Amino acid sequence: MIKFLFKGLLRDRSRSLLPIIVVALGVMMTVFLQAYMSGIFADSIETTAKFSSGHVKVMTEAYKENQSQLPNDYAIIGINDVMKKLNKEYPDMSWIDRIQFGGLLDSPDSAGLTRSQGNVMGMGIHLIGNQDEINRMDLKSKLLTGCFPDKCGEILITDELFNKMNLKLGDPVTLITNTMFGDMAMHNFIVSGTIHFGTPALDKGMIITDIEDARLALNMEDAAGEVLGFFNDSPYVDSKAVSLAKEFNEKNIHKDDKFSLAMLPMSGISGMDFLIAYSENAQFIIIFIFVFAMSIVLWNAGLVGGLRRYGEFGLRLAIGENKNEIYRSLIGESILVGLIGSIIGISIGLVFAWLMQHYGLDTSGMMKNSNMMMPSIMRAQITVTTYYIGFIPGVLSTVIGAMLAGIGIYKRQTASLFKELEG
């Protein structure tokens, strides 16, 4: 039967060429968009994870409850022991400690009086003698002038704040903030370089210093606000992160101890749950859109083809076939058309997806005023799903289209079909 239907499609290209072209184009766009959106969401999630959230984040229970306020008075004490414990219990992950803080940056004039000030959001990371954090946060591409701190007491400042405060490289600045114990603290730094993130929220007033300088400024000896964990063998996987956090919290959280350690998966951090959920369901939204659109197109194509084939249906009825058999044969033809079109569309879509994955698209000029943490080069990501996702709209839409168009067979009277055959 399949061989018979296949030969029929080859001999009468007028009834197969257009549907195959429509299916191939729809499947090609489905495959490319799935790979493109997978790449965009994966890169955005990874960029955010590397910059601020990690795949999982360890902090004290009290810090977790107030993390939007960066409460360093609830910081992790004995961070060296905590880091050893995490590396020992979870050796398949990378762990890094960081400190986030807020404050006021003061620039003195030649007389030592305040010349300019600016509100800042600061981050203490491993900078001096360690390239891992620089590479992880992609800071090399964001460095505009100067250099990274290579000795204690140096600081990076955003270019916008740098110009706003009329600073020059090598100028002294004073950070006014609170220590871990709530006391006011003032610490002097030297501006070693400027950075530009391309995100207004960060460029308005971000400073980055070595974590040891942050500890000294905030009186946080052997302490850190948070510890970020990253999977070594894969990008972020929500189910894996949630499972890890649940296991960790069962062993470490004590309700009567606000300084007990707690772990949050990336999806548990405010604002990230929607992005992760949307990224996981985006491909199904794409499938639905293309199944609906292609079904309408193929339904109309099937109706036009059906009008031309009423004579054929009359002949088949005359030789003993019934309407059910004719209807089933139409469905069989549609499946073959869907498979052929899907294979062609997937092949072409994979080529475009590979080109997008390999070469990428530089959107740095478009992202200058964006509020999202996204990479400057957009890349597609070919996954296992990419290889088969095209079959779903490709086959399903042709079958739905054929089923809708084939209903006309039952609405036509057999006598009228014979009459059309005679004509």
Protein backbone atom coordinates (compact mmCIF):
# COMPACT_ATOMS: atom_id res chain seq x y z
CA MET A 1 0.00 0.00 0.00
CA ILE A 2 2.81 2.43 0.94
CA LYS A 3 4.65 1.63 -2.27
CA PHE A 4 1.46 2.27 -4.26
CA LEU A 5 0.85 5.64 -2.57
CA PHE A 6 4.49 6.66 -3.03
CA LYS A 7 4.35 5.90 -6.76
CA GLY A 8 1.13 7.90 -7.03
CA LEU A 9 2.81 10.93 -5.47
CA LEU A 10 5.78 10.65 -7.83
CA ARG A 11 3.62 10.30 -10.95
CA ASP A 12 1.26 13.14 -10.06
CA ARG A 13 3.53 15.87 -8.76
CA SER A 14 0.77 18.46 -8.91
CA ARG A 15 -0.79 16.93 -5.81
CA SER A 16 2.44 16.48 -3.85
CA LEU A 17 4.87 19.23 -4.89
CA LEU A 18 3.07 22.19 -3.28
CA PRO A 19 2.34 20.40 0.04
CA ILE A 20 5.94 19.18 0.24
CA ILE A 21 7.26 22.70 -0.39
CA VAL A 22 4.92 24.16 2.26
CA VAL A 23 5.89 21.49 4.79
CA ALA A 24 9.61 21.85 4.04
CA LEU A 25 9.49 25.64 4.51
CA GLY A 26 7.47 25.38 7.72
CA VAL A 27 9.69 22.66 9.17
CA MET A 28 12.85 24.55 8.17
CA MET A 29 11.64 27.65 10.07
CA THR A 30 10.56 25.52 13.04
CA VAL A 31 13.96 23.81 13.28
CA PHE A 32 15.90 27.05 12.88
CA LEU A 33 13.77 28.97 15.39
CA GLN A 34 13.99 26.14 17.93
CA ALA A 35 17.79 26.08 17.66
CA TYR A 36 17.97 29.89 17.67
CA MET A 37 15.73 30.31 20.72
CA SER A 38 17.49 27.47 22.54
CA GLY A 39 20.78 29.26 21.96
CA ILE A 40 19.45 32.67 23.00
CA PHE A 41 17.83 31.41 26.19
CA ALA A 42 20.77 29.17 27.08
CA ASP A 43 23.28 32.00 26.56
CA SER A 44 21.13 34.47 28.50
CA ILE A 45 20.71 32.04 31.38
CA GLU A 46 24.42 31.19 31.42
CA THR A 47 25.41 34.88 31.24
CA THR A 48 23.17 35.71 34.20
CA ALA A 49 24.41 32.66 36.10
CA LYS A 50 28.07 33.57 35.60
CA PHE A 51 27.53 37.18 36.50
CA SER A 52 25.24 37.07 39.49
CA SER A 53 23.28 33.93 40.36
CA GLY A 54 25.35 30.82 39.62
CA HIS A 55 23.62 27.57 38.75
CA VAL A 56 23.04 27.31 42.49
CA LYS A 57 23.77 29.83 45.21
CA VAL A 58 24.74 29.10 48.83
CA MET A 59 24.07 31.69 51.53
CA THR A 60 22.85 31.87 55.10
CA GLU A 61 19.15 31.39 55.77
CA ALA A 62 18.78 35.02 56.90
CA TYR A 63 20.70 36.34 53.87
CA LYS A 64 18.39 34.31 51.59
CA GLU A 65 15.29 35.89 53.12
CA ASN A 66 16.64 39.42 52.52
CA GLN A 67 19.00 38.92 49.56
CA SER A 68 17.61 41.87 47.57
CA GLN A 69 19.03 44.13 50.32
CA LEU A 70 22.52 42.54 50.14
CA PRO A 71 22.58 42.04 53.95
CA ASN A 72 26.26 41.37 54.62
CA ASP A 73 25.50 41.38 58.34
CA TYR A 74 24.14 37.89 57.60
CA ALA A 75 27.18 36.80 55.61
CA ILE A 76 28.72 33.33 55.71
CA ILE A 77 31.32 33.15 58.49
CA GLY A 78 34.30 30.80 58.15
CA ILE A 79 34.18 30.88 54.38
CA ASN A 80 37.43 28.93 53.97
CA ASP A 81 35.96 25.93 55.79
CA VAL A 82 32.70 26.23 53.85
CA MET A 83 34.57 26.27 50.52
CA LYS A 84 36.56 23.17 51.52
CA LYS A 85 33.36 21.40 52.52
CA LEU A 86 31.59 22.25 49.26
CA ASN A 87 34.55 21.19 47.12
CA LYS A 88 34.79 17.92 49.02
CA GLU A 89 31.08 17.03 48.97
CA TYR A 90 30.42 18.25 45.42
CA PRO A 91 33.67 17.76 43.47
CA ASP A 92 31.84 17.76 40.11
CA MET A 93 31.00 21.45 40.57
CA SER A 94 32.98 24.68 40.60
CA TRP A 95 32.50 26.90 43.66
CA ILE A 96 33.41 30.56 43.98
CA ASP A 97 32.80 33.02 46.82
CA ARG A 98 31.76 36.63 46.20
CA ILE A 99 30.72 39.72 48.12
CA GLN A 100 28.10 42.20 46.93
CA PHE A 101 27.67 45.55 48.62
CA GLY A 102 26.33 49.06 48.14
CA GLY A 103 27.68 52.43 49.11
CA LEU A 104 28.76 55.91 48.13
CA LEU A 105 31.88 56.61 46.06
CA ASP A 106 33.60 59.92 46.86
CA SER A 107 36.20 61.68 44.70
CA PRO A 108 38.38 64.25 46.53
CA ASP A 109 39.94 67.35 45.02
CA SER A 110 43.54 68.54 45.52
CA ALA A 111 42.61 69.91 48.93
CA GLY A 112 41.07 66.63 50.04
CA LEU A 113 37.53 67.97 49.87
CA THR A 114 34.70 66.23 48.07
CA ARG A 115 34.71 67.01 44.35
CA SER A 116 32.02 64.56 43.19
CA GLN A 117 30.06 61.61 44.52
CA GLY A 118 28.01 58.75 43.14
CA ASN A 119 25.89 55.92 44.47
CA VAL A 120 27.45 52.58 43.62
CA MET A 121 26.72 48.88 43.65
CA GLY A 122 29.90 46.92 44.30
CA MET A 123 31.13 43.40 43.80
CA GLY A 124 34.15 41.73 45.33
CA ILE A 125 35.48 38.85 43.21
CA HIS A 126 38.75 36.99 42.80
CA LEU A 127 40.71 39.33 40.51
CA ILE A 128 44.34 39.51 41.52
CA GLY A 129 46.34 36.51 40.36
CA ASN A 130 43.22 34.72 39.13
CA GLN A 131 41.88 34.81 35.58
CA ASP A 132 38.98 32.40 36.20
CA GLU A 133 36.50 35.04 37.32
CA ILE A 134 37.61 37.48 34.62
CA ASN A 135 36.97 34.83 31.97
CA ARG A 136 33.76 33.59 33.59
CA MET A 137 32.24 37.07 33.66
CA ASP A 138 33.70 37.97 30.26
CA LEU A 139 35.24 41.12 31.72
CA LYS A 140 38.00 41.33 29.10
CA SER A 141 35.47 42.25 26.42
CA LYS A 142 33.95 44.86 28.76
CA LEU A 143 37.21 46.60 29.72
CA LEU A 144 37.34 49.99 27.93
CA THR A 145 40.37 51.78 29.38
CA GLY A 146 43.16 50.99 31.81
CA CYS A 147 43.78 47.51 33.16
CA PHE A 148 42.52 45.02 35.69
CA PRO A 149 43.66 45.42 39.31
CA ASP A 150 47.01 43.73 39.81
CA LYS A 151 47.67 44.87 43.37
CA CYS A 152 45.67 45.59 46.49
CA GLY A 153 43.72 48.83 46.66
CA GLU A 154 42.80 49.07 42.96
CA ILE A 155 39.27 49.17 41.57
CA LEU A 156 37.34 48.94 38.31
CA ILE A 157 34.57 51.47 37.71
CA THR A 158 31.95 51.74 34.97
CA ASP A 159 32.75 54.22 32.21
CA GLU A 160 29.49 56.14 32.73
CA LEU A 161 30.20 56.72 36.42
CA PHE A 162 33.85 57.46 35.60
CA ASN A 163 32.84 60.32 33.28
CA LYS A 164 30.05 61.52 35.55
CA MET A 165 32.52 61.96 38.42
CA ASN A 166 35.18 63.53 36.11
CA LEU A 167 37.78 60.95 37.09
CA LYS A 168 41.08 60.01 35.50
CA LEU A 169 42.90 56.69 35.61
CA GLY A 170 45.02 56.55 38.74
CA ASP A 171 42.76 58.95 40.68
CA PRO A 172 42.03 58.10 44.32
CA VAL A 173 38.43 57.47 45.37
CA THR A 174 36.89 56.68 48.74
CA LEU A 175 34.18 54.06 49.27
CA ILE A 176 31.76 54.96 52.06
CA THR A 177 29.71 51.97 53.17
CA ASN A 178 28.72 49.78 56.13
CA THR A 179 30.79 46.97 57.55
CA MET A 180 29.48 43.49 58.22
CA PHE A 181 28.79 44.63 61.79
CA GLY A 182 26.75 47.71 60.78
CA ASP A 183 29.47 50.31 61.42
CA MET A 184 30.29 53.02 58.90
CA ALA A 185 33.40 52.30 56.89
CA MET A 186 35.59 54.38 54.56
CA HIS A 187 38.18 52.75 52.36
CA ASN A 188 40.47 54.29 49.75
CA PHE A 189 40.98 52.87 46.26
CA ILE A 190 42.84 53.78 43.09
CA VAL A 191 40.95 53.65 39.78
CA SER A 192 42.82 51.18 37.56
CA GLY A 193 40.36 50.82 34.66
CA THR A 194 36.88 51.40 33.31
CA ILE A 195 34.32 48.87 32.09
CA HIS A 196 31.12 49.01 30.06
CA PHE A 197 28.42 46.34 30.38
CA GLY A 198 25.92 47.72 27.89
CA THR A 199 23.19 47.45 30.53
CA PRO A 200 21.99 50.77 32.01
CA ALA A 201 21.25 49.26 35.43
CA LEU A 202 24.88 48.19 35.77
CA ASP A 203 26.61 51.01 33.87
CA LYS A 204 24.96 53.62 36.05
CA GLY A 205 27.13 52.80 39.06
CA MET A 206 28.98 49.46 39.23
CA ILE A 207 32.39 48.97 40.80
CA ILE A 208 34.42 45.77 40.95
CA THR A 209 37.33 45.07 43.26
CA ASP A 210 39.31 42.09 44.44
CA ILE A 211 37.48 40.13 47.11
CA GLU A 212 40.29 40.60 49.64
CA ASP A 213 39.99 44.38 49.28
CA ALA A 214 36.23 44.06 49.77
CA ARG A 215 36.79 42.00 52.91
CA LEU A 216 39.18 44.62 54.23
CA ALA A 217 36.79 47.47 53.46
CA LEU A 218 33.74 45.75 54.95
CA ASN A 219 35.53 44.14 57.91
CA MET A 220 34.60 40.69 56.57
CA GLU A 221 37.64 38.65 57.52
CA ASP A 222 37.13 35.01 56.46
CA ALA A 223 33.57 35.81 55.35
CA ALA A 224 31.59 36.13 52.12
CA GLY A 225 28.05 37.11 51.26
CA GLU A 226 27.40 34.16 48.93
CA VAL A 227 28.96 31.18 47.22
CA LEU A 228 28.08 30.43 43.60
CA GLY A 229 28.15 26.89 42.22
CA PHE A 230 28.45 25.89 38.54
CA PHE A 231 27.98 22.50 36.90
CA ASN A 232 31.25 21.39 35.32
CA ASP A 233 29.75 18.89 32.88
CA SER A 234 26.73 20.77 31.54
CA PRO A 235 24.98 24.14 31.27
CA TYR A 236 22.17 24.94 33.67
CA VAL A 237 19.65 22.11 34.11
CA ASP A 238 16.78 23.18 36.35
CA SER A 239 15.77 19.70 37.54
CA LYS A 240 19.37 18.94 38.47
CA ALA A 241 19.79 22.24 40.34
CA VAL A 242 16.48 21.86 42.20
CA SER A 243 17.38 18.31 43.26
CA LEU A 244 20.82 19.41 44.46
CA ALA A 245 19.38 22.33 46.45
CA LYS A 246 16.76 20.11 48.07
CA GLU A 247 19.40 17.56 49.12
CA PHE A 248 21.69 20.29 50.49
CA ASN A 249 18.94 22.08 52.41
CA GLU A 250 17.72 18.88 54.08
CA LYS A 251 21.19 18.43 55.58
CA ASN A 252 22.09 22.01 56.43
CA ILE A 253 19.06 24.19 57.17
CA HIS A 254 18.17 24.51 60.86
CA LYS A 255 15.06 26.59 61.52
CA ASP A 256 16.37 27.92 64.84
CA ASP A 257 19.70 29.06 63.31
CA LYS A 258 19.45 32.01 60.93
CA PHE A 259 23.11 31.56 60.00
CA SER A 260 22.67 27.98 58.83
CA LEU A 261 23.54 27.48 55.16
CA ALA A 262 20.83 27.33 52.49
CA MET A 263 21.05 26.68 48.77
CA LEU A 264 18.86 28.15 46.06
CA PRO A 265 18.67 26.88 42.47
CA MET A 266 18.83 29.55 39.81
CA SER A 267 15.09 29.19 39.20
CA GLY A 268 14.45 30.02 42.87
CA ILE A 269 16.04 33.46 42.56
CA SER A 270 13.59 36.29 41.97
CA GLY A 271 13.09 37.13 38.31
CA MET A 272 14.75 33.99 36.94
CA ASP A 273 11.88 31.55 37.42
CA PHE A 274 9.84 33.08 34.57
CA LEU A 275 12.79 33.16 32.13
CA ILE A 276 13.68 29.53 32.80
CA ALA A 277 10.07 28.34 32.57
CA TYR A 278 9.56 30.30 29.36
CA SER A 279 12.74 28.92 27.81
CA GLU A 280 11.60 25.37 28.53
CA ASN A 281 8.17 25.91 26.94
CA ALA A 282 9.13 28.20 24.06
CA GLN A 283 9.67 25.29 21.65
CA PHE A 284 6.14 24.03 22.26
CA ILE A 285 4.79 27.51 21.49
CA ILE A 286 6.71 27.42 18.20
CA ILE A 287 5.30 23.98 17.34
CA PHE A 288 1.73 25.09 18.04
CA ILE A 289 2.06 28.19 15.88
CA PHE A 290 3.47 26.32 12.90
CA VAL A 291 1.09 23.36 13.23
CA PHE A 292 -1.86 25.77 13.20
CA ALA A 293 -0.54 27.90 10.33
CA MET A 294 0.54 24.99 8.12
CA SER A 295 -2.68 23.08 8.79
CA ILE A 296 -4.69 26.02 7.41
CA VAL A 297 -2.45 26.25 4.33
CA LEU A 298 -2.48 22.50 3.70
CA TRP A 299 -6.21 22.32 4.32
CA ASN A 300 -6.75 24.83 1.53
CA ALA A 301 -4.24 23.01 -0.68
CA GLY A 302 -6.09 19.75 0.04
CA LEU A 303 -9.45 21.29 -0.85
CA VAL A 304 -8.10 22.57 -4.17
CA GLY A 305 -6.52 19.19 -4.90
CA GLY A 306 -9.68 17.39 -3.85
CA LEU A 307 -11.80 19.31 -6.34
CA ARG A 308 -9.52 18.14 -9.11
CA ARG A 309 -9.61 14.54 -7.90
CA TYR A 310 -13.36 13.97 -7.67
CA GLY A 311 -13.20 12.10 -10.96
CA GLU A 312 -10.56 9.80 -9.50
CA PHE A 313 -12.71 9.23 -6.43
CA GLY A 314 -15.67 8.33 -8.64
CA LEU A 315 -13.59 5.77 -10.52
CA ARG A 316 -12.35 4.21 -7.30
CA LEU A 317 -15.88 4.00 -5.97
CA ALA A 318 -16.94 2.38 -9.24
CA ILE A 319 -14.39 -0.41 -8.87
CA GLY A 320 -15.52 -1.25 -5.35
CA GLU A 321 -13.66 1.02 -2.93
CA ASN A 322 -15.73 2.63 -0.24
CA LYS A 323 -15.43 6.14 1.16
CA ASN A 324 -13.58 4.99 4.27
CA GLU A 325 -10.85 3.36 2.18
CA ILE A 326 -10.45 6.47 0.04
CA TYR A 327 -10.27 8.64 3.17
CA ARG A 328 -7.61 6.38 4.71
CA SER A 329 -5.57 6.52 1.52
CA LEU A 330 -5.65 10.33 1.66
CA ILE A 331 -4.35 10.18 5.23
CA GLY A 332 -1.61 7.78 4.10
CA GLU A 333 -0.59 10.14 1.32
CA SER A 334 -0.48 13.04 3.77
CA ILE A 335 1.82 11.09 6.10
CA LEU A 336 4.21 10.38 3.23
CA VAL A 337 4.11 14.02 2.14
CA GLY A 338 4.73 15.12 5.74
CA LEU A 339 7.69 12.77 6.17
CA ILE A 340 9.32 13.77 2.88
CA GLY A 341 8.75 17.48 3.51
CA SER A 342 9.96 17.18 7.11
CA ILE A 343 13.20 15.43 6.11
CA ILE A 344 13.93 18.12 3.53
CA GLY A 345 12.98 20.94 5.93
CA ILE A 346 15.00 19.53 8.84
CA SER A 347 18.07 19.14 6.62
CA ILE A 348 17.89 22.74 5.40
CA GLY A 349 17.02 24.06 8.88
CA LEU A 350 20.00 22.27 10.43
CA VAL A 351 22.34 23.88 7.90
CA PHE A 352 21.12 27.38 8.83
CA ALA A 353 21.17 26.51 12.54
CA TRP A 354 24.77 25.24 12.28
CA LEU A 355 25.85 28.44 10.53
CA MET A 356 24.19 30.50 13.27
CA GLN A 357 25.78 28.34 15.96
CA HIS A 358 29.25 28.46 14.43
CA TYR A 359 29.47 32.10 13.32
CA GLY A 360 26.81 33.80 15.47
CA LEU A 361 25.28 37.24 15.00
CA ASP A 362 26.94 40.28 16.56
CA THR A 363 24.20 42.39 18.16
CA SER A 364 26.38 44.55 20.40
CA GLY A 365 25.16 47.70 18.65
CA MET A 366 21.53 46.75 19.24
CA MET A 367 22.03 45.83 22.90
CA LYS A 368 23.55 49.12 24.09
CA ASN A 369 20.36 50.23 25.85
CA SER A 370 19.10 46.80 26.84
CA ASN A 371 18.17 46.01 30.44
CA MET A 372 18.76 42.27 29.96
CA MET A 373 21.93 40.34 30.69
CA MET A 374 22.53 38.87 27.26
CA PRO A 375 25.66 37.99 25.28
CA SER A 376 26.73 40.41 22.56
CA ILE A 377 26.98 37.59 19.99
CA MET A 378 23.77 35.66 19.47
CA ARG A 379 24.25 31.98 18.64
CA ALA A 380 21.92 29.11 17.92
CA GLN A 381 22.24 25.84 19.84
CA ILE A 382 21.63 22.53 18.10
CA THR A 383 20.27 20.04 20.63
CA VAL A 384 18.83 16.54 20.40
CA THR A 385 15.38 18.12 20.14
CA THR A 386 16.43 20.04 17.04
CA TYR A 387 16.82 16.81 15.06
CA TYR A 388 13.26 15.60 15.57
CA ILE A 389 11.13 18.63 16.47
CA GLY A 390 10.39 19.35 12.80
CA PHE A 391 8.55 16.05 12.36
CA ILE A 392 5.84 17.15 14.80
CA PRO A 393 4.48 20.13 12.83
CA GLY A 394 5.52 18.58 9.49
CA VAL A 395 3.54 15.35 9.81
CA LEU A 396 0.81 16.60 12.13
CA SER A 397 -0.12 19.58 9.96
CA THR A 398 -0.36 17.50 6.76
CA VAL A 399 -2.51 14.90 8.49
CA ILE A 400 -4.82 17.56 9.97
CA GLY A 401 -5.02 19.31 6.61
CA ALA A 402 -5.83 16.06 4.79
CA MET A 403 -8.42 15.09 7.41
CA LEU A 404 -10.18 18.43 7.06
CA ALA A 405 -10.06 18.39 3.27
CA GLY A 406 -11.08 14.73 3.07
CA ILE A 407 -14.33 15.34 4.92
CA GLY A 408 -15.67 16.57 1.58
CA ILE A 409 -15.63 12.97 0.30
CA TYR A 410 -18.34 12.01 2.77
CA LYS A 411 -20.39 15.10 1.94
CA ARG A 412 -20.46 14.29 -1.77
CA GLN A 413 -23.02 11.86 -3.07
CA THR A 414 -21.67 8.84 -4.89
CA ALA A 415 -23.97 9.57 -7.83
CA SER A 416 -22.49 13.03 -8.31
CA LEU A 417 -19.00 11.57 -8.27
CA PHE A 418 -19.99 9.15 -11.07
CA LYS A 419 -21.53 12.03 -12.97
CA GLU A 420 -18.30 14.03 -12.71
CA LEU A 421 -16.38 10.99 -13.88
CA GLU A 422 -18.59 10.78 -16.99
CA GLY A 423 -18.00 14.47 -17.67
